[in-house]
Amino acid sequence: MSIRTVLSTVGVPVRRPDYKGNDAQYITYQMVGQTGTVYAESTEAETGTAFFVNIWSKSDWTALAATVKQTLLQNRYRVIVLSETFEKEDGYYRVIFEVACIGANYG
């Protein structure tokens, strides 16, 4: 299942990083790399894909982050929470996840 499909189940808008909306909470994601993880007969049999997933929130983001993490884990993604920042220009908290999946589809 693609990362966009998985993230779309958490109840907030999910878009690529060029999202220009004004929702109080939303998620952006982007692929940051791919690498072969399993080779058979000199051919790549499985590909690992890594993404950055960003939660943007004007208020407390912790419940959404817990839901996103649990949803990704249930769909066999590996999840690492990297950081939280506050964007003064627009008033959003930003929580960055590094997410990877073997055999993942492009978002």
N, C-alpha and C. Protein backbone atom coordinates (compact mmCIF):
# COMPACT_ATOMS: atom_id res chain seq x y z
N MET A 1 0.85 -1.17 0.00
CA MET A 1 0.00 0.00 0.00
C MET A 1 0.90 1.24 0.00
N SER A 2 0.57 2.22 -0.81
CA SER A 2 1.40 3.42 -0.90
C SER A 2 1.31 4.25 0.38
N ILE A 3 2.33 5.02 0.63
CA ILE A 3 2.36 5.84 1.84
C ILE A 3 1.23 6.86 1.84
N ARG A 4 0.90 7.40 0.68
CA ARG A 4 -0.21 8.36 0.61
C ARG A 4 -1.53 7.70 1.02
N THR A 5 -1.76 6.48 0.56
CA THR A 5 -2.97 5.76 0.92
C THR A 5 -3.03 5.51 2.42
N VAL A 6 -1.92 5.08 2.99
CA VAL A 6 -1.86 4.83 4.43
C VAL A 6 -2.12 6.11 5.21
N LEU A 7 -1.41 7.18 4.87
CA LEU A 7 -1.56 8.44 5.60
C LEU A 7 -2.96 9.05 5.45
N SER A 8 -3.60 8.80 4.32
CA SER A 8 -4.93 9.36 4.08
C SER A 8 -5.99 8.83 5.01
N THR A 9 -5.68 7.78 5.77
CA THR A 9 -6.67 7.20 6.68
C THR A 9 -6.72 7.89 8.04
N VAL A 10 -5.82 8.84 8.31
CA VAL A 10 -5.75 9.44 9.66
C VAL A 10 -6.66 10.65 9.85
N GLY A 11 -7.33 11.11 8.79
CA GLY A 11 -8.36 12.13 8.96
C GLY A 11 -7.96 13.57 8.77
N VAL A 12 -6.76 13.83 8.26
CA VAL A 12 -6.36 15.20 7.93
C VAL A 12 -5.87 15.21 6.48
N PRO A 13 -5.82 16.38 5.83
CA PRO A 13 -5.33 16.43 4.46
C PRO A 13 -3.89 15.91 4.35
N VAL A 14 -3.60 15.19 3.28
CA VAL A 14 -2.27 14.65 3.00
C VAL A 14 -1.86 15.13 1.62
N ARG A 15 -0.73 15.82 1.54
CA ARG A 15 -0.29 16.40 0.28
C ARG A 15 1.23 16.32 0.15
N ARG A 16 1.71 16.66 -1.02
CA ARG A 16 3.14 16.84 -1.26
C ARG A 16 3.56 18.16 -0.61
N PRO A 17 4.88 18.40 -0.48
CA PRO A 17 5.35 19.60 0.24
C PRO A 17 4.93 20.94 -0.33
N ASP A 18 4.36 20.99 -1.52
CA ASP A 18 3.95 22.29 -2.05
C ASP A 18 2.55 22.69 -1.58
N TYR A 19 2.04 22.00 -0.56
CA TYR A 19 0.70 22.27 -0.04
C TYR A 19 0.59 23.73 0.40
N LYS A 20 -0.44 24.41 -0.04
CA LYS A 20 -0.62 25.84 0.27
C LYS A 20 -1.91 26.12 1.02
N GLY A 21 -2.55 25.09 1.58
CA GLY A 21 -3.81 25.28 2.28
C GLY A 21 -3.63 25.96 3.62
N ASN A 22 -4.73 26.11 4.32
CA ASN A 22 -4.68 26.75 5.63
C ASN A 22 -5.37 25.91 6.70
N ASP A 23 -5.38 24.59 6.52
CA ASP A 23 -5.96 23.70 7.52
C ASP A 23 -5.18 23.81 8.83
N ALA A 24 -5.87 23.61 9.95
CA ALA A 24 -5.21 23.68 11.26
C ALA A 24 -4.22 22.54 11.46
N GLN A 25 -4.47 21.40 10.81
CA GLN A 25 -3.54 20.26 10.83
C GLN A 25 -3.53 19.63 9.44
N TYR A 26 -2.36 19.25 9.00
CA TYR A 26 -2.23 18.52 7.74
C TYR A 26 -0.90 17.79 7.74
N ILE A 27 -0.73 16.92 6.75
CA ILE A 27 0.48 16.12 6.62
C ILE A 27 1.06 16.32 5.22
N THR A 28 2.38 16.47 5.15
CA THR A 28 3.06 16.43 3.86
C THR A 28 4.06 15.27 3.89
N TYR A 29 4.39 14.78 2.72
CA TYR A 29 5.37 13.70 2.62
C TYR A 29 6.16 13.85 1.33
N GLN A 30 7.37 13.33 1.34
CA GLN A 30 8.18 13.30 0.12
C GLN A 30 9.18 12.17 0.20
N MET A 31 9.43 11.56 -0.96
CA MET A 31 10.42 10.49 -1.01
C MET A 31 11.81 11.10 -0.94
N VAL A 32 12.68 10.50 -0.14
CA VAL A 32 14.05 10.99 -0.01
C VAL A 32 15.09 10.01 -0.53
N GLY A 33 14.65 8.80 -0.87
CA GLY A 33 15.61 7.86 -1.44
C GLY A 33 15.07 6.46 -1.58
N GLN A 34 15.74 5.71 -2.44
CA GLN A 34 15.43 4.30 -2.62
C GLN A 34 16.73 3.54 -2.73
N THR A 35 16.69 2.29 -2.29
CA THR A 35 17.86 1.44 -2.43
C THR A 35 17.40 -0.01 -2.53
N GLY A 36 18.14 -0.80 -3.28
CA GLY A 36 17.85 -2.21 -3.35
C GLY A 36 18.12 -2.86 -2.01
N THR A 37 17.21 -3.72 -1.57
CA THR A 37 17.39 -4.38 -0.28
C THR A 37 17.50 -5.89 -0.40
N VAL A 38 16.95 -6.46 -1.47
CA VAL A 38 17.04 -7.89 -1.71
C VAL A 38 17.37 -8.09 -3.18
N TYR A 39 18.36 -8.92 -3.43
CA TYR A 39 18.76 -9.22 -4.81
C TYR A 39 18.63 -10.72 -5.05
N ALA A 40 18.13 -11.09 -6.21
CA ALA A 40 18.03 -12.49 -6.59
C ALA A 40 18.49 -12.62 -8.04
N GLU A 41 19.43 -13.52 -8.27
CA GLU A 41 19.96 -13.74 -9.61
C GLU A 41 20.43 -12.43 -10.25
N SER A 42 21.18 -11.66 -9.45
CA SER A 42 21.77 -10.38 -9.90
C SER A 42 20.75 -9.32 -10.29
N THR A 43 19.54 -9.46 -9.80
CA THR A 43 18.49 -8.49 -10.09
C THR A 43 17.87 -8.02 -8.78
N GLU A 44 17.56 -6.74 -8.72
CA GLU A 44 16.91 -6.20 -7.52
C GLU A 44 15.51 -6.80 -7.39
N ALA A 45 15.28 -7.50 -6.29
CA ALA A 45 13.98 -8.15 -6.07
C ALA A 45 13.07 -7.33 -5.16
N GLU A 46 13.66 -6.55 -4.25
CA GLU A 46 12.88 -5.66 -3.40
C GLU A 46 13.61 -4.34 -3.25
N THR A 47 12.82 -3.30 -3.14
CA THR A 47 13.36 -1.95 -3.01
C THR A 47 12.89 -1.35 -1.69
N GLY A 48 13.81 -0.75 -0.96
CA GLY A 48 13.45 0.00 0.23
C GLY A 48 13.29 1.46 -0.15
N THR A 49 12.22 2.09 0.31
CA THR A 49 11.94 3.48 -0.01
C THR A 49 11.83 4.27 1.30
N ALA A 50 12.52 5.40 1.35
CA ALA A 50 12.49 6.26 2.54
C ALA A 50 11.74 7.56 2.22
N PHE A 51 11.01 8.02 3.21
CA PHE A 51 10.22 9.25 3.08
C PHE A 51 10.45 10.13 4.29
N PHE A 52 10.26 11.43 4.12
CA PHE A 52 10.07 12.33 5.23
C PHE A 52 8.57 12.62 5.28
N VAL A 53 7.98 12.44 6.45
CA VAL A 53 6.57 12.74 6.69
C VAL A 53 6.54 13.87 7.70
N ASN A 54 5.84 14.94 7.37
CA ASN A 54 5.76 16.12 8.24
C ASN A 54 4.33 16.32 8.71
N ILE A 55 4.15 16.42 10.01
CA ILE A 55 2.87 16.81 10.58
C ILE A 55 2.95 18.31 10.83
N TRP A 56 1.96 19.03 10.35
CA TRP A 56 1.86 20.48 10.56
C TRP A 56 0.63 20.73 11.41
N SER A 57 0.78 21.49 12.48
CA SER A 57 -0.35 21.69 13.39
C SER A 57 -0.28 23.06 14.06
N LYS A 58 -1.42 23.73 14.12
CA LYS A 58 -1.52 25.03 14.80
C LYS A 58 -1.74 24.85 16.30
N SER A 59 -1.98 23.61 16.74
CA SER A 59 -2.26 23.34 18.16
C SER A 59 -1.50 22.07 18.56
N ASP A 60 -1.88 21.51 19.68
CA ASP A 60 -1.22 20.30 20.18
C ASP A 60 -1.26 19.19 19.12
N TRP A 61 -0.12 18.72 18.73
CA TRP A 61 0.02 17.74 17.65
C TRP A 61 0.17 16.31 18.15
N THR A 62 0.25 16.10 19.46
CA THR A 62 0.65 14.79 19.99
C THR A 62 -0.33 13.67 19.65
N ALA A 63 -1.62 13.92 19.70
CA ALA A 63 -2.60 12.87 19.37
C ALA A 63 -2.49 12.48 17.89
N LEU A 64 -2.35 13.46 17.02
CA LEU A 64 -2.20 13.17 15.59
C LEU A 64 -0.92 12.40 15.34
N ALA A 65 0.17 12.80 15.98
CA ALA A 65 1.45 12.10 15.79
C ALA A 65 1.34 10.64 16.24
N ALA A 66 0.68 10.40 17.35
CA ALA A 66 0.51 9.02 17.82
C ALA A 66 -0.31 8.21 16.83
N THR A 67 -1.36 8.80 16.28
CA THR A 67 -2.19 8.11 15.30
C THR A 67 -1.41 7.82 14.03
N VAL A 68 -0.65 8.80 13.55
CA VAL A 68 0.16 8.61 12.34
C VAL A 68 1.18 7.50 12.55
N LYS A 69 1.88 7.55 13.66
CA LYS A 69 2.91 6.54 13.93
C LYS A 69 2.29 5.15 14.01
N GLN A 70 1.21 5.00 14.75
CA GLN A 70 0.56 3.70 14.89
C GLN A 70 0.05 3.18 13.54
N THR A 71 -0.53 4.07 12.75
CA THR A 71 -1.04 3.68 11.43
C THR A 71 0.10 3.20 10.53
N LEU A 72 1.20 3.91 10.53
CA LEU A 72 2.35 3.50 9.71
C LEU A 72 2.92 2.17 10.20
N LEU A 73 3.07 2.01 11.50
CA LEU A 73 3.59 0.76 12.04
C LEU A 73 2.69 -0.43 11.69
N GLN A 74 1.39 -0.23 11.76
CA GLN A 74 0.44 -1.30 11.43
C GLN A 74 0.53 -1.70 9.96
N ASN A 75 1.03 -0.80 9.14
CA ASN A 75 1.17 -1.08 7.70
C ASN A 75 2.61 -1.41 7.32
N ARG A 76 3.40 -1.85 8.32
CA ARG A 76 4.74 -2.38 8.14
C ARG A 76 5.77 -1.33 7.70
N TYR A 77 5.55 -0.08 8.07
CA TYR A 77 6.55 0.95 7.86
C TYR A 77 7.40 1.07 9.12
N ARG A 78 8.66 1.41 8.94
CA ARG A 78 9.55 1.71 10.07
C ARG A 78 9.46 3.21 10.28
N VAL A 79 9.34 3.65 11.54
CA VAL A 79 9.11 5.07 11.82
C VAL A 79 10.10 5.56 12.86
N ILE A 80 10.72 6.69 12.57
CA ILE A 80 11.59 7.38 13.52
C ILE A 80 11.12 8.83 13.58
N VAL A 81 10.83 9.32 14.78
CA VAL A 81 10.48 10.73 14.93
C VAL A 81 11.79 11.50 15.08
N LEU A 82 12.03 12.44 14.16
CA LEU A 82 13.30 13.14 14.13
C LEU A 82 13.31 14.43 14.95
N SER A 83 12.27 15.25 14.80
CA SER A 83 12.32 16.52 15.52
C SER A 83 10.97 17.22 15.52
N GLU A 84 10.88 18.22 16.39
CA GLU A 84 9.75 19.15 16.42
C GLU A 84 10.32 20.55 16.32
N THR A 85 9.71 21.36 15.49
CA THR A 85 10.09 22.77 15.39
C THR A 85 8.81 23.61 15.41
N PHE A 86 8.99 24.91 15.60
CA PHE A 86 7.87 25.84 15.51
C PHE A 86 8.20 26.86 14.44
N GLU A 87 7.32 26.98 13.46
CA GLU A 87 7.50 27.91 12.35
C GLU A 87 6.86 29.25 12.72
N LYS A 88 7.66 30.21 13.11
CA LYS A 88 7.13 31.51 13.56
C LYS A 88 6.35 32.23 12.47
N GLU A 89 6.78 32.08 11.22
CA GLU A 89 6.15 32.81 10.12
C GLU A 89 4.66 32.50 9.97
N ASP A 90 4.29 31.23 10.15
CA ASP A 90 2.90 30.85 9.93
C ASP A 90 2.23 30.23 11.16
N GLY A 91 2.95 30.07 12.26
CA GLY A 91 2.37 29.59 13.50
C GLY A 91 2.12 28.10 13.58
N TYR A 92 2.79 27.32 12.73
CA TYR A 92 2.62 25.87 12.74
C TYR A 92 3.75 25.18 13.51
N TYR A 93 3.37 24.18 14.30
CA TYR A 93 4.35 23.23 14.80
C TYR A 93 4.60 22.25 13.66
N ARG A 94 5.83 21.80 13.53
CA ARG A 94 6.19 20.84 12.50
C ARG A 94 6.91 19.67 13.16
N VAL A 95 6.38 18.48 12.97
CA VAL A 95 6.98 17.27 13.51
C VAL A 95 7.43 16.43 12.32
N ILE A 96 8.72 16.08 12.31
CA ILE A 96 9.30 15.37 11.17
C ILE A 96 9.53 13.91 11.53
N PHE A 97 8.98 13.03 10.70
CA PHE A 97 9.19 11.59 10.82
C PHE A 97 10.06 11.13 9.65
N GLU A 98 10.94 10.19 9.91
CA GLU A 98 11.61 9.46 8.84
C GLU A 98 10.91 8.10 8.76
N VAL A 99 10.46 7.75 7.59
CA VAL A 99 9.65 6.55 7.40
C VAL A 99 10.24 5.72 6.27
N ALA A 100 10.30 4.42 6.46
CA ALA A 100 10.84 3.54 5.41
C ALA A 100 10.01 2.27 5.33
N CYS A 101 9.98 1.71 4.12
CA CYS A 101 9.26 0.47 3.89
C CYS A 101 9.97 -0.33 2.81
N ILE A 102 10.07 -1.62 3.03
CA ILE A 102 10.59 -2.51 2.01
C ILE A 102 9.47 -2.76 1.00
N GLY A 103 9.79 -2.59 -0.26
CA GLY A 103 8.79 -2.82 -1.30
C GLY A 103 7.75 -1.73 -1.39
N ALA A 104 8.03 -0.55 -0.81
CA ALA A 104 7.06 0.54 -0.81
C ALA A 104 6.86 1.08 -2.22
N ASN A 105 5.67 1.58 -2.45
CA ASN A 105 5.36 2.23 -3.72
C ASN A 105 5.72 3.71 -3.64
N TYR A 106 5.89 4.32 -4.80
CA TYR A 106 6.02 5.77 -4.80
C TYR A 106 4.74 6.36 -4.26
N GLY A 107 4.86 7.50 -3.53
CA GLY A 107 3.68 8.12 -2.92
C GLY A 107 2.74 8.64 -3.93
